[in-house]
Amino acid sequence: MASSFKELDLFGSGPHRFAMVRQGLHVVSLAAIAGDFTLAGSSWFGDLELEVHVRGRLVAPSEAALWALRDAATTQAASTTTPVPGTLIDLHGRAWTSMSLFRYEEDDRVCRGRVWSVGYLARFRHFVGT
């Protein structure tokens, strides 16, 4: 089984792992809401939006091929002003529907050797209302 986003193999060039984060309730302190820091307590405002992070390495035989992989990921992250959701599938076939790639971050350096590679973190979110 291969991982994918919108049926695109963005991560398969190298090792990667999926992690679900941000689960539970959105809780805010009453002091922050009212602007009165003498207030104690907090309140919840519904569920958090689901986030899934994919962390790994893009690996390619040349610098040009690595740039093609990088461009494919950044195109999905910055495709429009409104994220276009799709299905995210991990290596084991677990699927999350209506996910948007909203941030793509790379490590601070590219490794050069027999292959070219760069580490990354791709952040997906299920935005409420999509």
Protein backbone atom coordinates (compact mmCIF):
# COMPACT_ATOMS: atom_id res chain seq x y z
CA MET A 1 0.00 0.00 0.00
CA ALA A 2 1.32 3.44 -0.92
CA SER A 3 0.46 6.69 0.78
CA SER A 4 -1.14 9.49 -1.19
CA PHE A 5 -2.94 12.82 -1.12
CA LYS A 6 -5.59 13.45 -3.80
CA GLU A 7 -4.20 10.29 -5.44
CA LEU A 8 -0.77 11.96 -5.76
CA ASP A 9 2.32 10.15 -4.43
CA LEU A 10 3.86 13.13 -2.63
CA PHE A 11 5.77 11.13 0.00
CA GLY A 12 6.71 7.77 -1.54
CA SER A 13 10.21 8.77 -2.59
CA GLY A 14 11.54 8.21 0.92
CA PRO A 15 10.68 7.14 4.45
CA HIS A 16 7.74 8.89 6.10
CA ARG A 17 5.32 8.48 8.97
CA PHE A 18 1.85 9.75 9.80
CA ALA A 19 0.69 11.13 13.16
CA MET A 20 -2.76 12.29 14.18
CA VAL A 21 -2.61 15.39 16.38
CA ARG A 22 -5.02 17.98 17.72
CA GLN A 23 -7.87 15.85 18.98
CA GLY A 24 -10.39 16.86 21.61
CA LEU A 25 -12.14 20.07 22.55
CA HIS A 26 -11.18 23.67 21.78
CA VAL A 27 -10.74 25.20 25.25
CA VAL A 28 -10.16 28.91 25.92
CA SER A 29 -9.63 30.67 29.22
CA LEU A 30 -12.38 33.05 30.30
CA ALA A 31 -9.74 35.66 31.08
CA ALA A 32 -8.59 35.65 27.45
CA ILE A 33 -12.15 35.93 26.14
CA ALA A 34 -13.16 38.81 28.41
CA GLY A 35 -9.79 40.53 28.52
CA ASP A 36 -10.08 40.46 32.32
CA PHE A 37 -7.24 38.48 33.80
CA THR A 38 -8.91 38.34 37.21
CA LEU A 39 -11.44 35.83 35.84
CA ALA A 40 -10.77 32.18 36.57
CA GLY A 41 -11.83 29.16 34.58
CA SER A 42 -12.25 28.24 30.95
CA SER A 43 -14.89 27.21 28.46
CA TRP A 44 -15.00 24.90 25.46
CA PHE A 45 -16.09 25.97 21.99
CA GLY A 46 -16.63 22.71 20.12
CA ASP A 47 -14.25 20.13 18.73
CA LEU A 48 -10.78 20.90 17.47
CA GLU A 49 -10.28 20.50 13.75
CA LEU A 50 -8.51 17.19 13.06
CA GLU A 51 -4.84 17.49 12.08
CA VAL A 52 -2.62 14.81 10.57
CA HIS A 53 1.11 15.40 10.16
CA VAL A 54 3.34 13.56 7.72
CA ARG A 55 7.05 13.72 8.54
CA GLY A 56 9.71 12.21 6.31
CA ARG A 57 12.39 12.69 3.65
CA LEU A 58 12.04 13.40 -0.02
CA VAL A 59 14.72 11.40 -1.85
CA ALA A 60 15.76 11.78 -5.50
CA PRO A 61 18.69 10.80 -7.75
CA SER A 62 19.49 14.40 -8.76
CA GLU A 63 18.97 18.00 -7.68
CA ALA A 64 16.47 18.57 -10.48
CA ALA A 65 14.46 15.50 -9.49
CA LEU A 66 14.44 16.63 -5.84
CA TRP A 67 13.14 20.05 -6.91
CA ALA A 68 10.31 18.34 -8.81
CA LEU A 69 9.28 16.50 -5.61
CA ARG A 70 9.52 19.69 -3.57
CA ASP A 71 7.48 21.63 -6.11
CA ALA A 72 4.75 18.96 -6.13
CA ALA A 73 4.34 19.29 -2.36
CA THR A 74 4.43 23.09 -2.26
CA THR A 75 1.94 23.32 -5.14
CA GLN A 76 -0.58 21.35 -3.07
CA ALA A 77 0.09 23.49 0.01
CA ALA A 78 -0.26 26.82 -1.80
CA SER A 79 -2.55 25.92 -4.69
CA THR A 80 -5.19 28.56 -3.96
CA THR A 81 -6.23 31.08 -1.35
CA THR A 82 -8.86 28.55 -0.25
CA PRO A 83 -7.48 25.07 0.48
CA VAL A 84 -8.88 22.36 -1.79
CA PRO A 85 -9.60 19.27 0.33
CA GLY A 86 -8.87 15.72 -0.73
CA THR A 87 -8.35 12.25 0.67
CA LEU A 88 -5.14 11.55 2.59
CA ILE A 89 -4.12 7.86 2.75
CA ASP A 90 -1.33 6.43 4.90
CA LEU A 91 0.93 3.43 4.24
CA HIS A 92 -1.59 1.05 5.84
CA GLY A 93 -4.64 2.21 3.90
CA ARG A 94 -6.10 4.43 6.63
CA ALA A 95 -7.95 7.24 4.84
CA TRP A 96 -8.91 10.70 6.07
CA THR A 97 -11.39 12.49 3.82
CA SER A 98 -11.77 16.24 3.29
CA MET A 99 -8.20 17.00 4.40
CA SER A 100 -6.30 20.08 3.21
CA LEU A 101 -2.51 20.42 3.03
CA PHE A 102 -2.17 23.81 4.68
CA ARG A 103 1.54 23.91 5.53
CA TYR A 104 4.69 22.31 4.15
CA GLU A 105 7.99 22.88 5.97
CA GLU A 106 11.47 21.62 5.06
CA ASP A 107 14.55 21.00 7.17
CA ASP A 108 17.24 23.65 7.01
CA ARG A 109 19.51 21.80 4.57
CA VAL A 110 19.52 19.44 1.61
CA CYS A 111 21.70 16.32 1.93
CA ARG A 112 23.82 15.58 -1.13
CA GLY A 113 25.55 12.27 -1.82
CA ARG A 114 24.62 9.24 -3.87
CA VAL A 115 21.09 10.66 -3.65
CA TRP A 116 19.67 14.10 -2.88
CA SER A 117 17.27 14.39 0.03
CA VAL A 118 15.55 16.82 2.34
CA GLY A 119 13.46 16.29 5.47
CA TYR A 120 9.98 17.76 5.65
CA LEU A 121 6.84 18.13 7.74
CA ALA A 122 3.51 18.32 5.89
CA ARG A 123 0.52 19.47 7.93
CA PHE A 124 -3.02 18.51 6.94
CA ARG A 125 -6.21 19.75 8.53
CA HIS A 126 -9.89 18.93 8.24
CA PHE A 127 -11.29 22.45 8.19
CA VAL A 128 -14.80 22.72 9.63
CA GLY A 129 -17.28 23.29 6.84
CA THR A 130 -15.28 21.54 4.09
